Amino acid sequence: MAERLPRSARGAARSRAGSAKAPATITATATKAGDNYTLNGTKRFVPWGAQADVLVMCHEPTRTHMRGLPKRSLPSLAECIAANVSAGRLTNPEVRCIGVAVNTRALSPADAARYLAELQDTLGLPCVDPLTTGVAALIDRLR
């Protein structure tokens, strides 16, 4: 049986012309199948929503510098999370980071699994590759 996602997963963002004007009209369902979820709905998302309830940090582990700035090294993920949560609290004092989505495409399956586990232990947050491990751990943090 499909479950309705929590409010924090439903309406925190807006989309371009032709989409729903009110975030509350955006609906999606998550159907649990074993350890995984199947999300069903219409993608209407803009990553720069002004009043997020939760944040998911995106990360690519083989990147060595900031895009377009080859002489600028990357800050740590902990620093990135802290900076984004701090910025988010300007409009929502209750915003929180629920995990990290990692693009492990450049890693072998064994290296990817090891990297995700080490990162999760270091940050104390779920760390997933949405394409290979799914997002159930992130959805579980929304409850």
N, C-alpha and C. Protein backbone atom coordinates (compact mmCIF):
# COMPACT_ATOMS: atom_id res chain seq x y z
N MET A 1 0.84 -1.17 0.00
CA MET A 1 0.00 0.00 0.00
C MET A 1 0.89 1.24 0.00
N ALA A 2 0.59 2.19 -0.86
CA ALA A 2 1.40 3.40 -0.96
C ALA A 2 1.18 4.29 0.25
N GLU A 3 2.25 4.91 0.70
CA GLU A 3 2.17 5.84 1.82
C GLU A 3 2.37 7.26 1.28
N ARG A 4 1.71 8.21 1.87
CA ARG A 4 1.92 9.61 1.50
C ARG A 4 3.20 10.07 2.18
N LEU A 5 4.05 10.75 1.44
CA LEU A 5 5.29 11.24 2.01
C LEU A 5 5.01 12.30 3.05
N PRO A 6 5.90 12.46 4.04
CA PRO A 6 5.73 13.53 5.02
C PRO A 6 5.74 14.89 4.33
N ARG A 7 5.17 15.90 5.02
CA ARG A 7 5.10 17.24 4.45
C ARG A 7 6.47 17.73 3.99
N SER A 8 7.51 17.43 4.74
CA SER A 8 8.83 17.92 4.39
C SER A 8 9.33 17.35 3.06
N ALA A 9 8.74 16.25 2.60
CA ALA A 9 9.16 15.67 1.33
C ALA A 9 8.24 16.04 0.19
N ARG A 10 7.10 16.67 0.50
CA ARG A 10 6.10 16.93 -0.52
C ARG A 10 6.20 18.28 -1.17
N GLY A 11 6.27 19.33 -0.40
CA GLY A 11 6.01 20.63 -0.99
C GLY A 11 7.05 21.67 -0.69
N ALA A 12 8.29 21.31 -0.58
CA ALA A 12 9.30 22.27 -0.20
C ALA A 12 9.88 23.02 -1.39
N ALA A 13 9.43 22.73 -2.58
CA ALA A 13 10.03 23.38 -3.75
C ALA A 13 8.97 23.73 -4.77
N ARG A 14 9.33 24.61 -5.68
CA ARG A 14 8.44 25.01 -6.77
C ARG A 14 9.10 24.67 -8.08
N SER A 15 8.32 24.75 -9.15
CA SER A 15 8.84 24.41 -10.46
C SER A 15 8.59 25.54 -11.44
N ARG A 16 8.98 25.31 -12.67
CA ARG A 16 8.83 26.31 -13.72
C ARG A 16 7.39 26.44 -14.20
N ALA A 17 7.20 27.30 -15.17
CA ALA A 17 5.87 27.57 -15.73
C ALA A 17 5.16 26.27 -16.10
N GLY A 18 3.86 26.26 -15.86
CA GLY A 18 3.06 25.10 -16.22
C GLY A 18 2.91 24.11 -15.08
N SER A 19 3.62 24.33 -14.00
CA SER A 19 3.50 23.41 -12.88
C SER A 19 2.61 24.02 -11.81
N ALA A 20 2.37 23.25 -10.78
CA ALA A 20 1.51 23.72 -9.70
C ALA A 20 2.10 24.96 -9.05
N LYS A 21 1.26 25.93 -8.78
CA LYS A 21 1.71 27.15 -8.11
C LYS A 21 1.87 26.93 -6.62
N ALA A 22 1.01 26.14 -6.03
CA ALA A 22 1.06 25.91 -4.59
C ALA A 22 1.78 24.60 -4.30
N PRO A 23 2.87 24.63 -3.51
CA PRO A 23 3.58 23.39 -3.22
C PRO A 23 2.70 22.31 -2.62
N ALA A 24 1.67 22.68 -1.88
CA ALA A 24 0.80 21.68 -1.27
C ALA A 24 0.06 20.84 -2.30
N THR A 25 -0.05 21.32 -3.55
CA THR A 25 -0.74 20.55 -4.58
C THR A 25 0.17 19.51 -5.22
N ILE A 26 1.45 19.53 -4.90
CA ILE A 26 2.38 18.55 -5.45
C ILE A 26 2.26 17.29 -4.59
N THR A 27 1.96 16.17 -5.23
CA THR A 27 1.80 14.93 -4.47
C THR A 27 2.73 13.86 -5.00
N ALA A 28 3.09 12.97 -4.12
CA ALA A 28 3.91 11.82 -4.48
C ALA A 28 3.61 10.72 -3.48
N THR A 29 3.90 9.50 -3.87
CA THR A 29 3.74 8.38 -2.95
C THR A 29 5.04 7.59 -2.92
N ALA A 30 5.24 6.91 -1.82
CA ALA A 30 6.39 6.01 -1.67
C ALA A 30 5.84 4.65 -1.28
N THR A 31 6.12 3.64 -2.08
CA THR A 31 5.67 2.29 -1.81
C THR A 31 6.87 1.48 -1.34
N LYS A 32 6.79 0.93 -0.15
CA LYS A 32 7.89 0.15 0.39
C LYS A 32 7.85 -1.26 -0.18
N ALA A 33 8.98 -1.71 -0.70
CA ALA A 33 9.12 -3.05 -1.24
C ALA A 33 10.38 -3.65 -0.62
N GLY A 34 10.24 -4.39 0.46
CA GLY A 34 11.40 -4.92 1.16
C GLY A 34 12.15 -3.79 1.83
N ASP A 35 13.44 -3.66 1.52
CA ASP A 35 14.27 -2.60 2.09
C ASP A 35 14.27 -1.34 1.26
N ASN A 36 13.56 -1.32 0.14
CA ASN A 36 13.59 -0.18 -0.77
C ASN A 36 12.23 0.48 -0.89
N TYR A 37 12.24 1.68 -1.46
CA TYR A 37 11.02 2.42 -1.75
C TYR A 37 10.94 2.69 -3.24
N THR A 38 9.73 2.70 -3.77
CA THR A 38 9.49 3.15 -5.13
C THR A 38 8.73 4.47 -5.01
N LEU A 39 9.32 5.54 -5.54
CA LEU A 39 8.66 6.84 -5.52
C LEU A 39 7.83 6.99 -6.77
N ASN A 40 6.63 7.51 -6.63
CA ASN A 40 5.75 7.71 -7.75
C ASN A 40 5.13 9.09 -7.63
N GLY A 41 5.21 9.86 -8.68
CA GLY A 41 4.64 11.20 -8.67
C GLY A 41 5.22 11.99 -9.83
N THR A 42 4.97 13.27 -9.80
CA THR A 42 5.49 14.14 -10.85
C THR A 42 6.64 14.93 -10.28
N LYS A 43 7.76 14.91 -10.97
CA LYS A 43 8.91 15.67 -10.51
C LYS A 43 8.68 17.14 -10.81
N ARG A 44 8.57 17.90 -9.77
CA ARG A 44 8.41 19.35 -9.88
C ARG A 44 9.33 19.93 -8.83
N PHE A 45 10.57 20.09 -9.19
CA PHE A 45 11.59 20.41 -8.20
C PHE A 45 12.57 21.42 -8.76
N VAL A 46 12.88 22.39 -7.96
CA VAL A 46 13.94 23.33 -8.26
C VAL A 46 14.88 23.29 -7.07
N PRO A 47 16.16 23.03 -7.27
CA PRO A 47 17.06 22.80 -6.14
C PRO A 47 17.35 24.02 -5.29
N TRP A 48 16.86 25.18 -5.66
CA TRP A 48 17.14 26.36 -4.85
C TRP A 48 15.90 26.84 -4.11
N GLY A 49 15.12 25.93 -3.59
CA GLY A 49 13.93 26.29 -2.82
C GLY A 49 14.32 27.16 -1.63
N ALA A 50 13.52 28.17 -1.35
CA ALA A 50 13.87 29.18 -0.37
C ALA A 50 13.65 28.74 1.08
N GLN A 51 12.78 27.79 1.33
CA GLN A 51 12.48 27.44 2.71
C GLN A 51 12.42 25.92 2.88
N ALA A 52 13.54 25.30 2.71
CA ALA A 52 13.60 23.85 2.84
C ALA A 52 13.41 23.42 4.28
N ASP A 53 12.78 22.26 4.47
CA ASP A 53 12.69 21.63 5.78
C ASP A 53 13.88 20.72 6.02
N VAL A 54 14.35 20.09 4.94
CA VAL A 54 15.50 19.19 5.03
C VAL A 54 16.43 19.45 3.86
N LEU A 55 17.69 19.11 4.06
CA LEU A 55 18.70 19.22 3.02
C LEU A 55 19.34 17.86 2.79
N VAL A 56 19.67 17.58 1.55
CA VAL A 56 20.47 16.41 1.19
C VAL A 56 21.69 16.96 0.47
N MET A 57 22.87 16.72 1.03
CA MET A 57 24.10 17.19 0.42
C MET A 57 24.47 16.23 -0.72
N CYS A 58 24.79 16.79 -1.88
CA CYS A 58 25.22 15.98 -3.02
C CYS A 58 26.73 16.03 -3.11
N HIS A 59 27.35 14.90 -3.46
CA HIS A 59 28.81 14.81 -3.43
C HIS A 59 29.31 13.88 -4.54
N GLU A 60 30.42 14.25 -5.12
CA GLU A 60 31.11 13.42 -6.12
C GLU A 60 32.53 13.20 -5.60
N PRO A 61 32.87 11.99 -5.14
CA PRO A 61 34.10 11.76 -4.39
C PRO A 61 35.40 11.90 -5.18
N THR A 62 35.36 11.89 -6.50
CA THR A 62 36.62 12.00 -7.25
C THR A 62 36.96 13.44 -7.63
N ARG A 63 36.07 14.36 -7.35
CA ARG A 63 36.33 15.78 -7.66
C ARG A 63 37.43 16.28 -6.74
N THR A 64 38.41 16.98 -7.29
CA THR A 64 39.55 17.46 -6.51
C THR A 64 39.54 18.97 -6.27
N HIS A 65 38.69 19.68 -6.99
CA HIS A 65 38.63 21.13 -6.82
C HIS A 65 37.23 21.62 -7.16
N MET A 66 36.97 22.86 -6.82
CA MET A 66 35.67 23.44 -7.12
C MET A 66 35.55 23.64 -8.62
N ARG A 67 34.39 23.32 -9.16
CA ARG A 67 34.15 23.46 -10.60
C ARG A 67 34.43 24.90 -11.04
N GLY A 68 35.26 25.03 -12.06
CA GLY A 68 35.60 26.34 -12.59
C GLY A 68 36.70 27.04 -11.82
N LEU A 69 37.13 26.47 -10.72
CA LEU A 69 38.18 27.06 -9.89
C LEU A 69 39.25 26.01 -9.60
N PRO A 70 40.08 25.68 -10.58
CA PRO A 70 41.02 24.57 -10.41
C PRO A 70 42.05 24.77 -9.30
N LYS A 71 42.26 25.97 -8.84
CA LYS A 71 43.24 26.21 -7.77
C LYS A 71 42.59 26.26 -6.39
N ARG A 72 41.27 26.07 -6.35
CA ARG A 72 40.55 26.13 -5.08
C ARG A 72 40.17 24.71 -4.65
N SER A 73 40.79 24.25 -3.57
CA SER A 73 40.48 22.90 -3.10
C SER A 73 39.08 22.86 -2.49
N LEU A 74 38.56 21.68 -2.39
CA LEU A 74 37.20 21.49 -1.86
C LEU A 74 37.19 21.59 -0.33
N PRO A 75 36.17 22.21 0.22
CA PRO A 75 35.99 22.12 1.68
C PRO A 75 35.53 20.70 2.03
N SER A 76 35.63 20.35 3.30
CA SER A 76 35.16 19.03 3.71
C SER A 76 33.64 18.97 3.60
N LEU A 77 33.11 17.76 3.54
CA LEU A 77 31.66 17.61 3.52
C LEU A 77 31.03 18.14 4.80
N ALA A 78 31.69 17.95 5.92
CA ALA A 78 31.16 18.47 7.19
C ALA A 78 31.05 20.00 7.12
N GLU A 79 32.05 20.65 6.54
CA GLU A 79 32.00 22.11 6.38
C GLU A 79 30.87 22.52 5.43
N CYS A 80 30.70 21.79 4.34
CA CYS A 80 29.63 22.09 3.39
C CYS A 80 28.26 21.93 4.03
N ILE A 81 28.09 20.87 4.79
CA ILE A 81 26.82 20.64 5.47
C ILE A 81 26.54 21.77 6.45
N ALA A 82 27.54 22.11 7.27
CA ALA A 82 27.37 23.17 8.26
C ALA A 82 27.02 24.50 7.59
N ALA A 83 27.68 24.84 6.50
CA ALA A 83 27.42 26.10 5.80
C ALA A 83 26.02 26.12 5.20
N ASN A 84 25.59 25.01 4.61
CA ASN A 84 24.26 24.95 4.00
C ASN A 84 23.15 24.95 5.04
N VAL A 85 23.35 24.27 6.15
CA VAL A 85 22.36 24.30 7.22
C VAL A 85 22.29 25.71 7.80
N SER A 86 23.43 26.34 7.99
CA SER A 86 23.45 27.71 8.50
C SER A 86 22.69 28.65 7.57
N ALA A 87 22.92 28.54 6.28
CA ALA A 87 22.20 29.37 5.31
C ALA A 87 20.71 29.05 5.32
N GLY A 88 20.36 27.79 5.41
CA GLY A 88 18.96 27.38 5.44
C GLY A 88 18.22 27.92 6.66
N ARG A 89 18.93 28.08 7.75
CA ARG A 89 18.31 28.57 8.98
C ARG A 89 17.95 30.06 8.92
N LEU A 90 18.40 30.74 7.88
CA LEU A 90 18.00 32.12 7.70
C LEU A 90 16.50 32.22 7.43
N THR A 91 15.94 31.19 6.79
CA THR A 91 14.51 31.20 6.48
C THR A 91 13.73 30.11 7.22
N ASN A 92 14.42 29.09 7.73
CA ASN A 92 13.74 28.04 8.48
C ASN A 92 14.66 27.58 9.61
N PRO A 93 14.42 28.04 10.82
CA PRO A 93 15.29 27.70 11.94
C PRO A 93 15.35 26.21 12.24
N GLU A 94 14.40 25.43 11.72
CA GLU A 94 14.35 23.99 12.00
C GLU A 94 14.97 23.14 10.90
N VAL A 95 15.54 23.73 9.86
CA VAL A 95 16.10 22.96 8.75
C VAL A 95 17.20 22.03 9.27
N ARG A 96 17.31 20.87 8.64
CA ARG A 96 18.34 19.90 9.05
C ARG A 96 18.80 19.12 7.83
N CYS A 97 20.02 18.65 7.90
CA CYS A 97 20.55 17.78 6.84
C CYS A 97 20.19 16.35 7.21
N ILE A 98 19.60 15.63 6.24
CA ILE A 98 19.19 14.25 6.53
C ILE A 98 20.12 13.22 5.92
N GLY A 99 21.11 13.65 5.12
CA GLY A 99 22.03 12.68 4.55
C GLY A 99 22.77 13.22 3.36
N VAL A 100 23.53 12.32 2.74
CA VAL A 100 24.38 12.68 1.61
C VAL A 100 24.08 11.74 0.44
N ALA A 101 23.87 12.33 -0.73
CA ALA A 101 23.71 11.57 -1.98
C ALA A 101 25.05 11.63 -2.70
N VAL A 102 25.63 10.48 -2.93
CA VAL A 102 26.98 10.40 -3.49
C VAL A 102 26.93 9.76 -4.88
N ASN A 103 27.57 10.40 -5.83
CA ASN A 103 27.70 9.84 -7.18
C ASN A 103 28.95 8.95 -7.17
N THR A 104 28.75 7.64 -7.08
CA THR A 104 29.88 6.71 -7.00
C THR A 104 30.23 6.09 -8.36
N ARG A 105 29.75 6.68 -9.41
CA ARG A 105 29.94 6.14 -10.77
C ARG A 105 31.40 5.83 -11.09
N ALA A 106 32.32 6.64 -10.62
CA ALA A 106 33.74 6.46 -10.95
C ALA A 106 34.44 5.44 -10.05
N LEU A 107 33.72 4.87 -9.08
CA LEU A 107 34.31 3.90 -8.16
C LEU A 107 33.84 2.50 -8.50
N SER A 108 34.67 1.51 -8.18
CA SER A 108 34.23 0.13 -8.34
C SER A 108 33.13 -0.14 -7.32
N PRO A 109 32.32 -1.17 -7.53
CA PRO A 109 31.26 -1.47 -6.54
C PRO A 109 31.81 -1.67 -5.13
N ALA A 110 32.93 -2.36 -5.00
CA ALA A 110 33.51 -2.58 -3.66
C ALA A 110 34.01 -1.27 -3.06
N ASP A 111 34.69 -0.45 -3.86
CA ASP A 111 35.17 0.84 -3.37
C ASP A 111 34.01 1.76 -3.02
N ALA A 112 32.95 1.73 -3.81
CA ALA A 112 31.78 2.56 -3.54
C ALA A 112 31.14 2.17 -2.21
N ALA A 113 30.96 0.88 -1.99
CA ALA A 113 30.36 0.41 -0.73
C ALA A 113 31.22 0.82 0.47
N ARG A 114 32.51 0.66 0.33
CA ARG A 114 33.44 1.03 1.40
C ARG A 114 33.39 2.55 1.65
N TYR A 115 33.40 3.32 0.57
CA TYR A 115 33.37 4.78 0.69
C TYR A 115 32.08 5.26 1.38
N LEU A 116 30.94 4.72 0.96
CA LEU A 116 29.67 5.11 1.56
C LEU A 116 29.63 4.76 3.05
N ALA A 117 30.12 3.58 3.41
CA ALA A 117 30.13 3.16 4.82
C ALA A 117 31.04 4.05 5.65
N GLU A 118 32.24 4.36 5.15
CA GLU A 118 33.18 5.22 5.88
C GLU A 118 32.63 6.63 6.04
N LEU A 119 32.03 7.15 4.97
CA LEU A 119 31.46 8.49 5.01
C LEU A 119 30.30 8.55 6.00
N GLN A 120 29.47 7.53 6.00
CA GLN A 120 28.35 7.46 6.94
C GLN A 120 28.85 7.43 8.37
N ASP A 121 29.90 6.65 8.64
CA ASP A 121 30.46 6.60 9.99
C ASP A 121 31.05 7.95 10.40
N THR A 122 31.72 8.61 9.46
CA THR A 122 32.34 9.91 9.75
C THR A 122 31.31 11.00 10.03
N LEU A 123 30.27 11.07 9.20
CA LEU A 123 29.30 12.15 9.31
C LEU A 123 28.14 11.84 10.25
N GLY A 124 27.90 10.56 10.52
CA GLY A 124 26.76 10.19 11.34
C GLY A 124 25.43 10.42 10.64
N LEU A 125 25.46 10.40 9.30
CA LEU A 125 24.27 10.59 8.47
C LEU A 125 24.20 9.49 7.42
N PRO A 126 23.01 9.14 6.95
CA PRO A 126 22.92 8.18 5.85
C PRO A 126 23.64 8.72 4.62
N CYS A 127 24.43 7.88 3.99
CA CYS A 127 25.14 8.23 2.75
C CYS A 127 24.80 7.17 1.72
N VAL A 128 24.20 7.59 0.62
CA VAL A 128 23.70 6.66 -0.38
C VAL A 128 24.10 7.12 -1.77
N ASP A 129 24.13 6.19 -2.70
CA ASP A 129 24.17 6.53 -4.12
C ASP A 129 22.76 6.23 -4.61
N PRO A 130 21.97 7.25 -4.91
CA PRO A 130 20.57 7.01 -5.27
C PRO A 130 20.38 6.02 -6.41
N LEU A 131 21.34 5.94 -7.32
CA LEU A 131 21.17 5.04 -8.46
C LEU A 131 21.54 3.60 -8.15
N THR A 132 22.43 3.38 -7.20
CA THR A 132 22.86 2.01 -6.93
C THR A 132 22.36 1.46 -5.60
N THR A 133 22.21 2.31 -4.60
CA THR A 133 21.77 1.82 -3.29
C THR A 133 20.35 2.26 -2.95
N GLY A 134 19.78 3.17 -3.73
CA GLY A 134 18.45 3.68 -3.44
C GLY A 134 18.48 4.79 -2.41
N VAL A 135 17.29 5.30 -2.08
CA VAL A 135 17.19 6.44 -1.17
C VAL A 135 16.38 6.12 0.10
N ALA A 136 16.13 4.86 0.35
CA ALA A 136 15.32 4.47 1.51
C ALA A 136 15.88 5.05 2.81
N ALA A 137 17.20 5.05 2.97
CA ALA A 137 17.79 5.57 4.20
C ALA A 137 17.50 7.06 4.37
N LEU A 138 17.44 7.79 3.26
CA LEU A 138 17.10 9.21 3.34
C LEU A 138 15.62 9.40 3.66
N ILE A 139 14.77 8.64 3.03
CA ILE A 139 13.33 8.74 3.29
C ILE A 139 13.02 8.38 4.73
N ASP A 140 13.70 7.39 5.26
CA ASP A 140 13.48 7.00 6.65
C ASP A 140 13.79 8.16 7.61
N ARG A 141 14.73 9.03 7.25
CA ARG A 141 15.08 10.18 8.10
C ARG A 141 14.01 11.26 8.06
N LEU A 142 13.07 11.18 7.14
CA LEU A 142 12.00 12.18 7.06
C LEU A 142 10.89 11.92 8.06
N ARG A 143 10.86 10.75 8.61
CA ARG A 143 9.76 10.38 9.52
C ARG A 143 9.98 10.91 10.91
